[in-house]
Amino acid sequence: MSAAPPHILVVDDDGRLRDLLRRYLSENGFLVSTAADSAEARAKLESFSFDLLVLDVMMPGESGLDLTQDLRRADAQTGAVPILMLTAMAEAEDRIHGLERGADDYLTKPFEPRELLLRIRTILRRVNGAAPARAVGAPVLLGGLLFDAERLELRGPGRTVRLTEAEAALLRALAENPGATLTRDDLAQRLDLTGNPRTVDVQVTRLRRKIEPDPRFPRYLQTVRGKGYALLPD
């Protein structure tokens, strides 16, 4: 019996674009639902399980940025759904702002549908662990929290910290080389991030908020000045 196709929710107030993406992604093997705004998206998120959200930034009412931020603050299951943002804002700072809110990737409008398809498949490969660099040899302990790369979470006594797939991919890359310095370029390649190197810094900042007792003075995810980052687990 074949596995069910990945279920994608496309959220955009442009009806023509929603219909185009629904047909294109369906033709390429995905189960696709659509929503015209954040309110409709929230209703569908409560009723169905999705493997990925394709989310427009600029929408009437609640913006895609605000919805993303709220989902990342929500319960573990909903907040961990990967989010690919569609934005008409081409400036690097605008895209970084989306990543800071919790998006996993972004695509600037107008775009080629094939590029969207490639980015979706890349995100889903990371989520499903289809192409890890190599397995983490030993459990990674960070202040009493054990990193579970399969479940995308950190677990400890009476506490579970859910990671997004991008945060988990970053932590997994660093955990595979404990104590070693990985450059921003190394990490960008492992996370399939391109463009402005600050995108890696954004993911590091987000991860520190979840693993560090005080993110302003990191104990585990260290900056190696002029080189990159290193993980120093317990």
Protein backbone atom coordinates (compact mmCIF):
# COMPACT_ATOMS: atom_id res chain seq x y z
CA MET A 1 0.00 0.00 0.00
CA SER A 2 1.50 3.34 -1.07
CA ALA A 3 2.03 6.16 1.38
CA ALA A 4 -0.35 9.11 1.36
CA PRO A 5 0.95 12.13 -0.57
CA PRO A 6 2.15 15.14 1.43
CA HIS A 7 -0.68 17.53 2.31
CA ILE A 8 0.05 21.20 1.58
CA LEU A 9 -2.02 24.23 2.59
CA VAL A 10 -1.69 27.20 0.21
CA VAL A 11 -2.77 30.48 1.82
CA ASP A 12 -3.05 33.51 -0.49
CA ASP A 13 -5.72 36.17 -1.08
CA ASP A 14 -5.08 36.03 -4.85
CA GLY A 15 -7.67 33.53 -6.11
CA ARG A 16 -5.99 33.10 -9.49
CA LEU A 17 -2.65 32.24 -7.89
CA ARG A 18 -4.30 29.87 -5.38
CA ASP A 19 -5.97 27.98 -8.21
CA LEU A 20 -2.76 27.86 -10.27
CA LEU A 21 -0.74 26.50 -7.35
CA ARG A 22 -3.44 24.01 -6.40
CA ARG A 23 -3.51 22.57 -9.92
CA TYR A 24 0.28 22.63 -10.40
CA LEU A 25 1.12 21.02 -7.06
CA SER A 26 -1.67 18.45 -7.46
CA GLU A 27 -0.26 17.48 -10.85
CA ASN A 28 3.10 16.94 -9.15
CA GLY A 29 1.85 14.48 -6.57
CA PHE A 30 0.68 16.60 -3.62
CA LEU A 31 -2.62 16.76 -1.82
CA VAL A 32 -3.48 20.47 -1.80
CA SER A 33 -5.92 22.55 0.24
CA THR A 34 -6.28 26.31 -0.08
CA ALA A 35 -7.31 29.26 2.08
CA ALA A 36 -7.98 32.89 1.12
CA ASP A 37 -6.80 34.43 4.39
CA SER A 38 -5.39 33.69 7.82
CA ALA A 39 -8.80 33.10 9.38
CA GLU A 40 -9.65 30.38 6.87
CA ALA A 41 -6.16 28.92 7.28
CA ARG A 42 -6.62 28.70 11.05
CA ALA A 43 -9.91 26.86 10.62
CA LYS A 44 -8.30 24.31 8.31
CA LEU A 45 -5.30 23.87 10.59
CA GLU A 46 -7.70 22.93 13.38
CA SER A 47 -9.44 20.34 11.20
CA PHE A 48 -6.64 18.80 9.16
CA SER A 49 -3.00 17.79 9.46
CA PHE A 50 -0.63 19.44 6.99
CA ASP A 51 2.94 18.63 6.02
CA LEU A 52 3.74 22.16 4.84
CA LEU A 53 2.22 25.66 4.56
CA VAL A 54 2.77 27.91 1.55
CA LEU A 55 1.87 31.28 3.02
CA ASP A 56 1.60 34.74 1.46
CA VAL A 57 3.00 37.61 3.50
CA MET A 58 0.66 40.41 2.46
CA MET A 59 -2.99 39.54 3.07
CA PRO A 60 -5.99 41.54 4.30
CA GLY A 61 -6.59 41.19 8.02
CA GLU A 62 -3.93 39.13 9.77
CA SER A 63 -0.72 39.09 7.73
CA GLY A 64 1.26 35.99 6.91
CA LEU A 65 4.03 37.25 9.18
CA ASP A 66 1.69 37.54 12.15
CA LEU A 67 0.12 34.15 11.46
CA THR A 68 3.57 32.55 11.26
CA GLN A 69 4.66 34.08 14.54
CA ASP A 70 1.48 32.96 16.25
CA LEU A 71 1.77 29.41 14.93
CA ARG A 72 5.32 29.20 16.23
CA ARG A 73 4.01 30.13 19.67
CA ALA A 74 1.16 27.62 19.45
CA ASP A 75 1.03 24.00 20.53
CA ALA A 76 3.82 21.61 19.56
CA GLN A 77 2.02 19.90 16.69
CA THR A 78 0.74 22.99 14.87
CA GLY A 79 3.73 25.19 15.60
CA ALA A 80 6.15 22.77 13.98
CA VAL A 81 4.53 22.69 10.53
CA PRO A 82 7.15 23.92 8.03
CA ILE A 83 6.27 27.28 6.47
CA LEU A 84 7.38 28.54 3.06
CA MET A 85 6.54 32.23 2.70
CA LEU A 86 5.64 33.98 -0.55
CA THR A 87 6.58 37.63 -0.55
CA ALA A 88 6.55 40.51 -3.01
CA MET A 89 9.20 42.20 -0.87
CA ALA A 90 12.58 41.51 -2.45
CA GLU A 91 14.76 43.33 0.06
CA ALA A 92 16.99 41.08 2.18
CA GLU A 93 15.82 42.72 5.41
CA ASP A 94 12.20 41.91 4.58
CA ARG A 95 13.00 38.26 3.95
CA ILE A 96 15.06 38.06 7.15
CA HIS A 97 12.11 39.54 9.03
CA GLY A 98 10.05 36.57 7.82
CA LEU A 99 12.65 34.09 9.01
CA GLU A 100 12.77 35.82 12.39
CA ARG A 101 9.03 35.28 12.75
CA GLY A 102 9.52 31.54 12.22
CA ALA A 103 9.37 30.85 8.47
CA ASP A 104 11.57 28.03 7.18
CA ASP A 105 12.11 29.43 3.70
CA TYR A 106 10.87 32.20 1.43
CA LEU A 107 10.25 32.79 -2.26
CA THR A 108 9.94 36.22 -3.86
CA LYS A 109 7.06 36.96 -6.23
CA PRO A 110 6.90 36.61 -9.16
CA PHE A 111 8.42 33.13 -9.19
CA GLU A 112 8.64 30.11 -11.43
CA PRO A 113 6.36 27.28 -10.23
CA ARG A 114 9.25 24.87 -10.73
CA GLU A 115 11.33 26.77 -8.18
CA LEU A 116 8.48 26.59 -5.68
CA LEU A 117 8.26 22.84 -6.30
CA LEU A 118 12.00 22.41 -5.72
CA ARG A 119 11.89 24.38 -2.47
CA ILE A 120 8.90 22.38 -1.21
CA ARG A 121 10.63 19.09 -1.97
CA THR A 122 13.82 20.28 -0.27
CA ILE A 123 11.95 21.22 2.90
CA LEU A 124 10.05 17.92 2.96
CA ARG A 125 13.29 15.95 2.48
CA ARG A 126 14.74 17.67 5.51
CA VAL A 127 11.59 17.04 7.53
CA ASN A 128 11.53 13.35 6.62
CA GLY A 129 15.26 12.91 7.17
CA ALA A 130 15.73 11.53 3.68
CA ALA A 131 19.22 12.88 3.24
CA PRO A 132 20.99 13.56 6.53
CA ALA A 133 24.72 14.10 6.41
CA ARG A 134 25.20 11.25 8.90
CA ALA A 135 23.47 10.09 12.03
CA VAL A 136 24.31 11.66 15.35
CA GLY A 137 26.46 9.07 17.08
CA ALA A 138 25.56 9.78 20.70
CA PRO A 139 22.67 11.54 22.41
CA VAL A 140 23.17 15.28 22.65
CA LEU A 141 22.46 16.73 26.09
CA LEU A 142 21.92 20.46 26.49
CA GLY A 143 21.22 21.55 30.04
CA GLY A 144 19.17 18.51 30.90
CA LEU A 145 17.38 18.42 27.53
CA LEU A 146 18.01 15.49 25.20
CA PHE A 147 17.93 16.25 21.47
CA ASP A 148 15.74 13.87 19.48
CA ALA A 149 16.48 14.47 15.78
CA GLU A 150 13.70 12.12 14.66
CA ARG A 151 10.92 13.80 16.65
CA LEU A 152 12.32 17.32 16.10
CA GLU A 153 12.27 18.07 19.80
CA LEU A 154 14.29 18.50 22.98
CA ARG A 155 13.02 16.45 25.90
CA GLY A 156 13.70 16.70 29.60
CA PRO A 157 12.01 15.95 32.93
CA GLY A 158 8.49 17.32 32.59
CA ARG A 159 9.42 19.46 29.60
CA THR A 160 9.38 19.14 25.82
CA VAL A 161 10.72 21.87 23.52
CA ARG A 162 9.45 21.57 19.97
CA LEU A 163 11.78 22.61 17.14
CA THR A 164 10.92 23.67 13.62
CA GLU A 165 12.46 21.51 10.92
CA ALA A 166 14.98 24.27 10.11
CA GLU A 167 16.01 24.61 13.76
CA ALA A 168 16.34 20.83 14.06
CA ALA A 169 18.42 20.67 10.87
CA LEU A 170 20.76 23.33 12.27
CA LEU A 171 21.09 21.57 15.62
CA ARG A 172 21.62 18.21 13.92
CA ALA A 173 24.40 19.65 11.71
CA LEU A 174 26.18 21.09 14.74
CA ALA A 175 25.58 17.98 16.87
CA GLU A 176 27.22 15.79 14.24
CA ASN A 177 30.43 17.72 14.89
CA PRO A 178 30.40 18.63 18.61
CA GLY A 179 33.02 21.22 19.49
CA ALA A 180 33.95 21.79 15.84
CA THR A 181 33.46 25.14 14.16
CA LEU A 182 31.14 25.18 11.15
CA THR A 183 31.21 28.25 8.95
CA ARG A 184 28.09 30.09 7.87
CA ASP A 185 28.64 28.76 4.35
CA ASP A 186 28.85 25.18 5.69
CA LEU A 187 25.62 25.60 7.62
CA ALA A 188 23.83 27.39 4.77
CA GLN A 189 24.66 24.46 2.49
CA ARG A 190 23.45 21.88 5.02
CA LEU A 191 20.23 23.82 5.62
CA ASP A 192 19.72 24.59 1.91
CA LEU A 193 19.76 28.31 2.69
CA THR A 194 21.00 30.63 -0.03
CA GLY A 195 21.58 34.33 -0.43
CA ASN A 196 22.28 36.62 2.50
CA PRO A 197 24.46 34.83 5.11
CA ARG A 198 22.39 36.47 7.82
CA THR A 199 19.74 33.81 7.20
CA VAL A 200 21.96 31.39 9.13
CA ASP A 201 22.33 33.94 11.93
CA VAL A 202 18.55 34.22 12.15
CA GLN A 203 18.19 30.45 12.59
CA VAL A 204 20.94 30.48 15.23
CA THR A 205 19.14 33.24 17.15
CA ARG A 206 15.86 31.30 17.05
CA LEU A 207 17.55 28.09 18.22
CA ARG A 208 19.35 29.85 21.06
CA ARG A 209 16.02 31.08 22.42
CA LYS A 210 15.03 27.44 22.88
CA ILE A 211 18.23 25.82 24.14
CA GLU A 212 20.04 28.51 26.11
CA PRO A 213 19.27 29.51 29.73
CA ASP A 214 20.15 33.08 28.67
CA PRO A 215 20.34 33.57 24.86
CA ARG A 216 22.28 36.81 25.37
CA PHE A 217 25.16 34.79 26.86
CA PRO A 218 25.07 31.44 25.03
CA ARG A 219 26.50 28.45 26.84
CA TYR A 220 25.93 25.74 24.21
CA LEU A 221 25.71 27.35 20.76
CA GLN A 222 28.86 29.42 20.64
CA THR A 223 29.87 32.07 18.12
CA VAL A 224 33.43 31.60 16.90
CA ARG A 225 34.35 35.13 15.92
CA GLY A 226 35.24 35.52 12.27
CA LYS A 227 34.60 31.84 11.55
CA GLY A 228 31.13 30.53 12.39
CA TYR A 229 29.43 28.52 15.12
CA ALA A 230 30.16 25.56 17.35
CA LEU A 231 28.01 23.41 19.62
CA LEU A 232 29.36 22.58 23.09
CA PRO A 233 26.95 20.03 24.60
CA ASP A 234 27.13 18.82 28.19
